[in-house]
Protein backbone atom coordinates (compact mmCIF):
# COMPACT_ATOMS: atom_id res chain seq x y z
CA UNK A 1 0.00 0.00 0.00
CA UNK A 2 1.59 3.32 -1.05
CA UNK A 3 1.97 6.13 1.46
CA UNK A 4 -0.25 9.18 1.03
CA UNK A 5 1.80 12.31 0.44
CA UNK A 6 0.12 15.73 0.47
CA UNK A 7 1.41 19.27 0.03
CA UNK A 8 1.38 20.95 3.44
CA UNK A 9 0.73 24.68 3.02
CA UNK A 10 2.32 25.36 6.42
CA UNK A 11 5.70 23.79 5.58
CA UNK A 12 5.42 24.38 1.81
CA UNK A 13 6.49 20.86 0.97
CA UNK A 14 4.97 17.44 0.39
CA UNK A 15 4.77 15.30 3.49
CA UNK A 16 3.68 11.74 4.23
CA UNK A 17 0.46 11.62 6.19
CA UNK A 18 1.07 10.02 9.57
CA UNK A 19 -2.19 10.11 11.55
CA UNK A 20 -1.90 11.29 15.13
CA UNK A 21 -3.98 8.28 16.13
CA UNK A 22 -2.85 5.23 14.12
CA UNK A 23 -5.59 4.02 11.80
CA UNK A 24 -7.80 7.08 12.35
CA UNK A 25 -7.56 10.20 10.16
CA UNK A 26 -9.30 13.38 11.35
CA UNK A 27 -10.13 15.93 8.64
CA UNK A 28 -11.73 19.37 8.98
CA UNK A 29 -12.83 21.44 5.97
CA UNK A 30 -14.38 24.90 6.01
CA UNK A 31 -17.94 24.71 4.73
CA UNK A 32 -20.40 27.25 3.32
CA UNK A 33 -21.78 30.47 4.72
CA UNK A 34 -25.44 29.89 3.97
CA UNK A 35 -26.96 33.05 2.54
CA UNK A 36 -27.22 32.28 -1.21
CA UNK A 37 -27.00 29.51 -3.80
CA UNK A 38 -23.57 27.90 -4.20
CA UNK A 39 -21.61 29.00 -7.27
CA UNK A 40 -19.34 26.74 -9.29
CA UNK A 41 -16.27 28.05 -7.45
CA UNK A 42 -17.81 26.90 -4.15
CA UNK A 43 -18.15 23.41 -5.60
CA UNK A 44 -14.44 22.89 -6.25
CA UNK A 45 -13.29 22.41 -2.63
CA UNK A 46 -16.30 20.20 -1.90
CA UNK A 47 -15.38 17.89 -4.80
CA UNK A 48 -11.63 17.94 -4.00
CA UNK A 49 -12.10 17.03 -0.34
CA UNK A 50 -14.81 14.50 -1.17
CA UNK A 51 -12.21 12.66 -3.29
CA UNK A 52 -9.64 12.97 -0.49
CA UNK A 53 -12.13 11.54 2.03
CA UNK A 54 -12.99 8.66 -0.34
CA UNK A 55 -9.29 7.90 -0.76
CA UNK A 56 -8.62 8.09 2.99
CA UNK A 57 -11.41 5.58 3.60
CA UNK A 58 -9.66 3.13 1.27
CA UNK A 59 -6.35 3.60 3.09
CA UNK A 60 -7.40 3.77 6.74
CA UNK A 61 -9.93 1.85 8.86
CA UNK A 62 -11.44 5.03 10.33
CA UNK A 63 -11.93 8.55 8.98
CA UNK A 64 -13.74 11.41 10.70
CA UNK A 65 -14.57 14.09 8.14
CA UNK A 66 -16.02 17.31 9.60
CA UNK A 67 -17.31 20.16 7.40
CA UNK A 68 -19.10 23.03 9.10
CA UNK A 69 -21.96 25.31 8.17
CA UNK A 70 -21.61 29.00 9.03
CA UNK A 71 -25.13 30.14 9.89
CA UNK A 72 -24.30 33.33 11.79
CA UNK A 73 -22.48 35.95 9.76
CA UNK A 74 -22.76 39.58 8.69
CA UNK A 75 -23.46 38.49 5.08
CA UNK A 76 -26.51 36.57 6.29
CA UNK A 77 -27.66 39.56 8.35
CA UNK A 78 -27.25 41.85 5.34
CA UNK A 79 -29.26 39.49 3.11
CA UNK A 80 -32.07 39.38 5.66
CA UNK A 81 -32.14 43.19 5.93
CA UNK A 82 -32.16 43.51 2.15
CA UNK A 83 -34.84 40.88 1.45
CA UNK A 84 -37.02 41.07 4.57
CA UNK A 85 -36.82 37.29 4.90
CA UNK A 86 -36.15 36.03 8.45
CA UNK A 87 -32.57 34.93 9.11
CA UNK A 88 -33.66 31.45 10.16
CA UNK A 89 -35.59 30.98 6.92
CA UNK A 90 -32.61 32.13 4.82
CA UNK A 91 -30.14 29.79 6.49
CA UNK A 92 -32.53 26.80 6.44
CA UNK A 93 -33.36 27.25 2.77
CA UNK A 94 -29.84 27.92 1.53
CA UNK A 95 -28.35 25.07 3.60
CA UNK A 96 -30.90 22.70 2.01
CA UNK A 97 -30.03 24.12 -1.44
CA UNK A 98 -26.32 23.58 -0.75
CA UNK A 99 -26.90 19.97 0.26
CA UNK A 100 -29.01 19.30 -2.85
CA UNK A 101 -26.46 20.89 -5.22
CA UNK A 102 -23.48 19.09 -3.70
CA UNK A 103 -25.32 15.75 -3.75
CA UNK A 104 -26.20 16.34 -7.41
CA UNK A 105 -22.46 16.63 -8.10
CA UNK A 106 -21.90 13.23 -6.54
CA UNK A 107 -20.45 14.34 -3.21
CA UNK A 108 -20.95 12.19 -0.15
CA UNK A 109 -21.98 13.99 3.05
CA UNK A 110 -19.30 14.56 5.70
CA UNK A 111 -19.39 12.42 8.83
CA UNK A 112 -20.22 15.44 10.98
CA UNK A 113 -21.68 18.76 9.82
CA UNK A 114 -21.81 21.15 12.79
CA UNK A 115 -23.58 24.49 12.62
CA UNK A 116 -21.97 27.54 14.18
CA UNK A 117 -25.11 28.59 16.08
CA UNK A 118 -25.12 25.24 17.91
CA UNK A 119 -21.59 25.76 19.29
CA UNK A 120 -21.69 29.18 20.93
CA UNK A 121 -20.78 27.66 24.31
CA UNK A 122 -17.54 26.20 22.90
CA UNK A 123 -16.69 29.57 21.33
CA UNK A 124 -17.18 31.36 24.65
CA UNK A 125 -14.96 28.78 26.38
CA UNK A 126 -12.16 29.35 23.85
CA UNK A 127 -12.41 33.12 24.18
CA UNK A 128 -12.24 32.87 27.96
CA UNK A 129 -9.09 30.75 27.66
CA UNK A 130 -7.51 33.32 25.33
CA UNK A 131 -8.29 36.18 27.72
CA UNK A 132 -6.88 34.21 30.67
CA UNK A 133 -3.71 33.47 28.71
CA UNK A 134 -3.12 37.10 27.79
CA UNK A 135 -3.88 36.54 24.10
CA UNK A 136 -7.18 38.45 24.01
CA UNK A 137 -8.69 41.53 25.63
CA UNK A 138 -12.08 43.19 26.12
CA UNK A 139 -12.69 46.63 24.63
CA UNK A 140 -16.04 48.45 24.35
CA UNK A 141 -18.09 45.25 24.35
CA UNK A 142 -15.77 43.55 21.86
CA UNK A 143 -13.24 40.83 22.54
CA UNK A 144 -10.19 40.98 20.29
CA UNK A 145 -7.27 38.62 19.69
CA UNK A 146 -3.96 40.34 20.41
CA UNK A 147 -1.90 39.45 17.33
CA UNK A 148 1.45 40.63 18.83
CA UNK A 149 1.00 38.03 21.60
CA UNK A 150 1.61 35.27 19.03
CA UNK A 151 5.05 35.76 17.41
CA UNK A 152 4.45 33.02 14.81
CA UNK A 153 1.49 34.93 13.32
CA UNK A 154 1.90 35.04 9.52
CA UNK A 155 3.77 31.74 9.20
CA UNK A 156 0.93 29.92 7.42
CA UNK A 157 0.40 32.63 4.78
CA UNK A 158 4.09 33.57 4.60
CA UNK A 159 3.27 37.27 4.78
CA UNK A 160 5.36 40.01 6.33
CA UNK A 161 3.77 42.27 9.01
CA UNK A 162 3.17 45.00 6.39
CA UNK A 163 1.61 42.52 3.97
CA UNK A 164 -0.57 41.14 6.74
CA UNK A 165 -1.99 44.58 7.45
CA UNK A 166 -2.49 45.39 3.77
CA UNK A 167 -4.15 42.04 3.04
CA UNK A 168 -6.53 42.03 5.96
CA UNK A 169 -8.51 45.13 4.88
CA UNK A 170 -8.71 45.88 8.54
CA UNK A 171 -11.21 48.12 10.26
CA UNK A 172 -8.78 50.19 12.36
CA UNK A 173 -11.18 50.75 15.24
CA UNK A 174 -10.07 53.07 18.04
CA UNK A 175 -10.50 50.35 20.67
CA UNK A 176 -7.89 48.09 19.04
CA UNK A 177 -4.50 47.90 20.74
CA UNK A 178 -2.88 46.91 17.44
CA UNK A 179 -4.28 47.48 13.92
CA UNK A 180 -3.95 43.74 13.12
CA UNK A 181 -5.98 42.54 16.10
CA UNK A 182 -9.12 40.70 15.03
CA UNK A 183 -12.56 40.23 16.56
CA UNK A 184 -13.47 37.15 18.58
CA UNK A 185 -16.79 38.51 19.91
CA UNK A 186 -18.81 41.61 19.09
CA UNK A 187 -21.95 43.27 20.45
CA UNK A 188 -25.28 42.48 18.82
CA UNK A 189 -27.93 45.24 18.71
CA UNK A 190 -31.62 44.36 18.97
CA UNK A 191 -32.86 42.72 15.78
CA UNK A 192 -29.64 40.82 15.07
CA UNK A 193 -28.73 37.33 16.31
CA UNK A 194 -27.10 37.43 19.72
CA UNK A 195 -26.25 35.29 22.73
CA UNK A 196 -25.56 36.10 26.35
CA UNK A 197 -21.87 36.06 27.26
CA UNK A 198 -19.54 37.36 29.99
CA UNK A 199 -19.02 40.42 27.75
CA UNK A 200 -22.69 41.15 27.11
CA UNK A 201 -25.15 40.11 24.44
CA UNK A 202 -23.28 39.51 21.22
CA UNK A 203 -22.23 37.14 18.48
CA UNK A 204 -18.96 35.45 17.50
CA UNK A 205 -16.42 36.56 14.94
CA UNK A 206 -16.09 34.24 11.93
CA UNK A 207 -12.67 32.81 12.75
CA UNK A 208 -13.47 31.57 16.26
CA UNK A 209 -16.35 29.49 14.88
CA UNK A 210 -14.15 26.99 13.05
CA UNK A 211 -11.66 26.77 15.93
CA UNK A 212 -14.51 25.86 18.28
CA UNK A 213 -16.15 23.31 16.01
CA UNK A 214 -12.91 21.54 15.03
CA UNK A 215 -11.92 21.37 18.73
CA UNK A 216 -15.33 19.99 19.68
CA UNK A 217 -15.24 17.10 17.20
CA UNK A 218 -11.55 16.48 16.42
CA UNK A 219 -9.65 17.63 19.52
CA UNK A 220 -6.95 20.19 20.20
CA UNK A 221 -4.69 18.73 17.48
CA UNK A 222 -5.90 16.84 14.42
CA UNK A 223 -4.50 15.62 11.10
CA UNK A 224 -5.69 17.69 8.13
CA UNK A 225 -7.36 21.09 7.74
CA UNK A 226 -8.65 21.83 4.24
CA UNK A 227 -10.11 24.71 2.28
CA UNK A 228 -9.52 27.04 -0.65
CA UNK A 229 -6.39 29.16 -0.99
CA UNK A 230 -8.59 32.24 -0.54
CA UNK A 231 -9.05 31.20 3.10
CA UNK A 232 -5.35 31.00 4.00
CA UNK A 233 -5.39 34.65 5.04
CA UNK A 234 -6.95 35.87 7.17
CA UNK A 235 -9.28 33.00 8.11
CA UNK A 236 -6.89 30.08 8.49
CA UNK A 237 -4.08 32.26 9.80
CA UNK A 238 -6.42 33.49 12.54
CA UNK A 239 -7.79 30.03 13.27
CA UNK A 240 -4.26 28.71 13.75
CA UNK A 241 -3.23 31.58 16.03
CA UNK A 242 -6.22 31.47 18.35
CA UNK A 243 -6.33 27.67 18.57
CA UNK A 244 -2.64 27.24 19.39
CA UNK A 245 -2.84 30.05 21.95
CA UNK A 246 -5.98 28.60 23.56
CA UNK A 247 -4.25 25.23 23.94
CA UNK A 248 -0.53 25.80 24.57
CA UNK A 249 1.53 22.89 23.30
CA UNK A 250 -1.04 21.90 20.67
CA UNK A 251 -0.47 22.15 16.91
CA UNK A 252 -4.12 22.59 15.84
CA UNK A 253 -3.84 21.12 12.30
CA UNK A 254 -0.72 19.09 11.55
CA UNK A 255 -1.22 19.40 7.79
CA UNK A 256 -2.92 22.18 5.79
CA UNK A 257 -4.29 21.30 2.34
CA UNK A 258 -5.56 24.07 0.05
CA UNK A 259 -7.19 23.88 -3.37
CA UNK A 260 -6.55 26.52 -6.03
CA UNK A 261 -9.13 28.98 -7.27
CA UNK A 262 -11.49 28.70 -10.23
CA UNK A 263 -11.74 31.21 -13.06
CA UNK A 264 -14.22 31.40 -15.95
CA UNK A 265 -12.85 31.60 -19.51
CA UNK A 266 -9.59 33.05 -18.21
CA UNK A 267 -11.24 35.71 -16.04
CA UNK A 268 -12.14 35.95 -12.38
CA UNK A 269 -15.78 35.05 -11.80
CA UNK A 270 -17.79 38.22 -11.25
CA UNK A 271 -21.42 39.25 -11.55
CA UNK A 272 -20.31 42.51 -13.14
CA UNK A 273 -18.57 40.55 -15.94
CA UNK A 274 -21.62 38.37 -16.49
CA UNK A 275 -19.63 35.19 -15.89
CA UNK A 276 -20.98 34.32 -12.44
CA UNK A 277 -22.63 30.88 -12.52
CA UNK A 278 -24.37 28.98 -9.77
CA UNK A 279 -24.04 25.21 -9.60
CA UNK A 280 -27.67 24.93 -10.69
CA UNK A 281 -27.07 27.06 -13.78
CA UNK A 282 -24.17 24.85 -14.83
CA UNK A 283 -26.09 21.63 -14.13
CA UNK A 284 -28.90 22.89 -16.37
CA UNK A 285 -26.60 22.68 -19.39
CA UNK A 286 -24.38 19.68 -18.65
CA UNK A 287 -24.57 16.31 -16.86
CA UNK A 288 -23.41 16.43 -13.26
CA UNK A 289 -20.61 13.91 -13.84
CA UNK A 290 -19.20 16.08 -16.64
CA UNK A 291 -19.10 19.05 -14.26
CA UNK A 292 -17.42 16.94 -11.60
CA UNK A 293 -14.87 15.55 -14.07
CA UNK A 294 -14.02 19.07 -15.23
CA UNK A 295 -13.27 19.98 -11.60
CA UNK A 296 -10.94 16.98 -11.34
CA UNK A 297 -9.09 17.23 -14.67
CA UNK A 298 -6.85 19.95 -13.23
CA UNK A 299 -4.62 19.26 -10.23
CA UNK A 300 -6.35 20.49 -7.10
CA UNK A 301 -3.64 23.02 -6.21
CA UNK A 302 -3.58 24.62 -9.69
CA UNK A 303 -5.77 27.41 -11.02
CA UNK A 304 -8.75 25.87 -12.84
CA UNK A 305 -10.21 27.54 -15.94
CA UNK A 306 -13.87 26.61 -16.28
CA UNK A 307 -15.35 27.01 -19.79
CA UNK A 308 -18.04 25.54 -22.01
CA UNK A 309 -15.31 24.05 -24.20
CA UNK A 310 -13.73 22.32 -21.20
CA UNK A 311 -17.16 21.09 -20.15
CA UNK A 312 -17.71 19.52 -23.58
CA UNK A 313 -14.28 17.88 -23.41
CA UNK A 314 -15.12 16.42 -20.01
CA UNK A 315 -18.38 15.06 -21.38
CA UNK A 316 -16.58 13.39 -24.30
CA UNK A 317 -14.03 11.90 -21.91
CA UNK A 318 -16.86 10.34 -19.92
CA UNK A 319 -18.43 9.08 -23.15
CA UNK A 320 -15.21 7.17 -23.79
CA UNK A 321 -15.20 5.61 -20.32
CA UNK A 322 -18.86 4.63 -20.58
CA UNK A 323 -18.37 3.13 -24.06
CA UNK A 324 -15.63 0.94 -22.61
CA UNK A 325 -18.02 -0.21 -19.87
CA UNK A 326 -20.75 -0.73 -22.45
CA UNK A 327 -18.39 -2.96 -24.45
CA UNK A 328 -17.26 -4.95 -21.39
CA UNK A 329 -19.75 -4.66 -18.52
CA UNK A 330 -18.31 -5.14 -15.03
CA UNK A 331 -18.91 -4.40 -11.40
CA UNK A 332 -16.29 -2.41 -9.52
CA UNK A 333 -13.32 -4.41 -8.26
CA UNK A 334 -12.63 -4.56 -4.53
CA UNK A 335 -9.15 -3.13 -5.06
CA UNK A 336 -8.22 0.11 -6.78
CA UNK A 337 -5.85 -0.38 -9.75
CA UNK A 338 -2.26 0.26 -8.66
CA UNK A 339 -1.62 3.05 -11.18
CA UNK A 340 -4.72 4.96 -10.03
CA UNK A 341 -3.94 4.47 -6.34
CA UNK A 342 -0.33 5.60 -6.79
CA UNK A 343 -1.44 8.72 -8.66
CA UNK A 344 -3.93 9.70 -5.96
CA UNK A 345 -1.41 9.02 -3.19
CA UNK A 346 0.95 11.44 -4.95
CA UNK A 347 -0.66 14.64 -3.63
CA UNK A 348 -4.10 13.68 -4.97
CA UNK A 349 -2.96 13.76 -8.61
CA UNK A 350 -6.34 13.34 -10.27
CA UNK A 351 -5.08 14.20 -13.81
CA UNK A 352 -2.59 11.31 -13.59
CA UNK A 353 -5.31 9.04 -12.19
CA UNK A 354 -7.54 9.91 -15.14
CA UNK A 355 -4.69 9.08 -17.51
CA UNK A 356 -4.46 5.65 -15.89
CA UNK A 357 -8.22 5.28 -16.33
CA UNK A 358 -7.84 5.84 -20.08
CA UNK A 359 -5.39 2.95 -20.20
CA UNK A 360 -7.95 0.81 -18.41
CA UNK A 361 -10.62 1.95 -20.87
CA UNK A 362 -8.40 0.91 -23.79
CA UNK A 363 -8.11 -2.58 -22.32
CA UNK A 364 -11.83 -2.75 -21.52
CA UNK A 365 -12.67 -1.81 -25.10
CA UNK A 366 -10.69 -4.90 -26.13
CA UNK A 367 -12.77 -7.10 -23.83
CA UNK A 368 -10.56 -7.14 -20.73
CA UNK A 369 -13.06 -7.71 -17.89
CA UNK A 370 -10.58 -7.06 -15.01
CA UNK A 371 -9.68 -3.73 -16.64
CA UNK A 372 -13.37 -2.82 -16.86
CA UNK A 373 -13.78 -3.68 -13.16
CA UNK A 374 -10.73 -1.57 -12.36
CA UNK A 375 -12.19 1.31 -14.36
CA UNK A 376 -15.38 1.10 -12.28
CA UNK A 377 -13.35 1.05 -9.05
CA UNK A 378 -11.32 4.07 -10.16
CA UNK A 379 -14.54 5.88 -11.02
CA UNK A 380 -15.95 5.11 -7.57
CA UNK A 381 -13.05 6.74 -5.71
CA UNK A 382 -13.38 9.82 -7.94
CA UNK A 383 -17.17 9.89 -7.67
CA UNK A 384 -17.54 9.14 -11.40
CA UNK A 385 -19.05 6.36 -13.57
CA UNK A 386 -21.95 5.92 -11.18
CA UNK A 387 -24.52 5.35 -13.93
CA UNK A 388 -25.06 2.46 -16.29
CA UNK A 389 -23.84 3.13 -19.86
CA UNK A 390 -27.34 3.08 -21.33
CA UNK A 391 -28.52 5.58 -18.73
CA UNK A 392 -25.51 7.85 -19.38
CA UNK A 393 -25.95 7.90 -23.13
CA UNK A 394 -29.64 8.61 -22.91
CA UNK A 395 -29.06 11.42 -20.47
CA UNK A 396 -31.56 12.77 -18.02
CA UNK A 397 -33.49 15.25 -20.14
CA UNK A 398 -37.23 15.71 -19.92
CA UNK A 399 -37.73 15.01 -23.65
CA UNK A 400 -37.55 11.19 -23.49
CA UNK A 401 -41.24 10.79 -24.32
CA UNK A 402 -40.85 13.15 -27.27
CA UNK A 403 -37.86 11.18 -28.59
CA UNK A 404 -39.69 7.88 -28.20
CA UNK A 405 -42.64 9.35 -30.10
CA UNK A 406 -40.31 10.47 -32.91
CA UNK A 407 -38.80 6.97 -33.08
CA UNK A 408 -42.29 5.45 -33.29
CA UNK A 409 -43.22 7.90 -36.07
CA UNK A 410 -40.00 7.01 -37.94
CA UNK A 411 -40.84 3.31 -37.64
CA UNK A 412 -44.29 3.90 -39.12
CA UNK A 413 -42.74 5.93 -41.96
CA UNK A 414 -40.32 3.10 -42.75
CA UNK A 415 -43.14 0.56 -42.70
CA UNK A 416 -45.01 2.79 -45.16
CA UNK A 417 -41.78 2.95 -47.23
CA UNK A 418 -41.71 6.74 -46.74
CA UNK A 419 -37.93 6.72 -46.38
CA UNK A 420 -37.59 10.45 -46.97
CA UNK A 421 -39.76 11.11 -43.90
CA UNK A 422 -37.85 8.51 -41.86
CA UNK A 423 -34.53 10.10 -42.82
CA UNK A 424 -35.83 13.57 -41.98
CA UNK A 425 -36.84 12.43 -38.48
CA UNK A 426 -33.43 10.86 -37.95
CA UNK A 427 -31.68 14.05 -39.15
CA UNK A 428 -33.81 16.25 -36.89
CA UNK A 429 -32.93 14.14 -33.87
CA UNK A 430 -29.28 14.10 -34.87
CA UNK A 431 -29.29 17.91 -34.99
CA UNK A 432 -30.40 17.86 -31.36
CA UNK A 433 -27.52 15.58 -30.40
CA UNK A 434 -29.64 12.41 -30.28
CA UNK A 435 -28.23 9.41 -32.13
CA UNK A 436 -30.38 6.49 -33.28
CA UNK A 437 -28.94 3.00 -33.47
CA UNK A 438 -30.89 0.42 -35.48
CA UNK A 439 -30.46 -3.30 -34.80
CA UNK A 440 -32.37 -6.53 -35.21
CA UNK A 441 -33.88 -5.91 -31.78
CA UNK A 442 -35.23 -2.49 -32.73
CA UNK A 443 -34.11 1.13 -32.50
CA UNK A 444 -32.31 2.53 -29.44
CA UNK A 445 -31.11 6.06 -28.84
CA UNK A 446 -28.52 7.98 -26.87
CA UNK A 447 -27.26 11.51 -26.56
CA UNK A 448 -24.09 12.48 -28.28
Foldseek 3Di string as FASTA:
>chain_A
DDFFWAQFLLVRGIDTFDWPDPQEAEEEEEAEAQQDFAFLQNQLQQLLVLLVVLLVVVVGVYYAYEYEYELADVVLVVSCVVPVDDSVVRRVVRVVNHVVLNVQLLGDDGNYYYYLVVQVVLLLLLLVLCVVLVQWDDFPLWIWGNVVVFVCQCSSVVDDPVVLLVVQPFDQDPRDPDRNIDTQWHADDPPGDWDQHPSGTTDGDPQSSSLSVCCVPPNLEGEEYEEAPVCSPPRVSVSQRSSCSSPPPYRHYPGYHHFYGEDEPPHRDDVVVVRIGGSVRVCVPARSNLSLVLSLLDQRRDYRYDYPVSSVVSLVLLLLLLVLCVQAPAAADPDAPPQLSVCCSHNHNSNSNSVVLVVLSVVSNVPDNVSNNNNNNSQVSSSHPPDHSLDSFADDDPCPVVLVVLQVVLVVCVVVVVNVSNVVSQVVCVVVQKHWDQDPVGIDIGGD
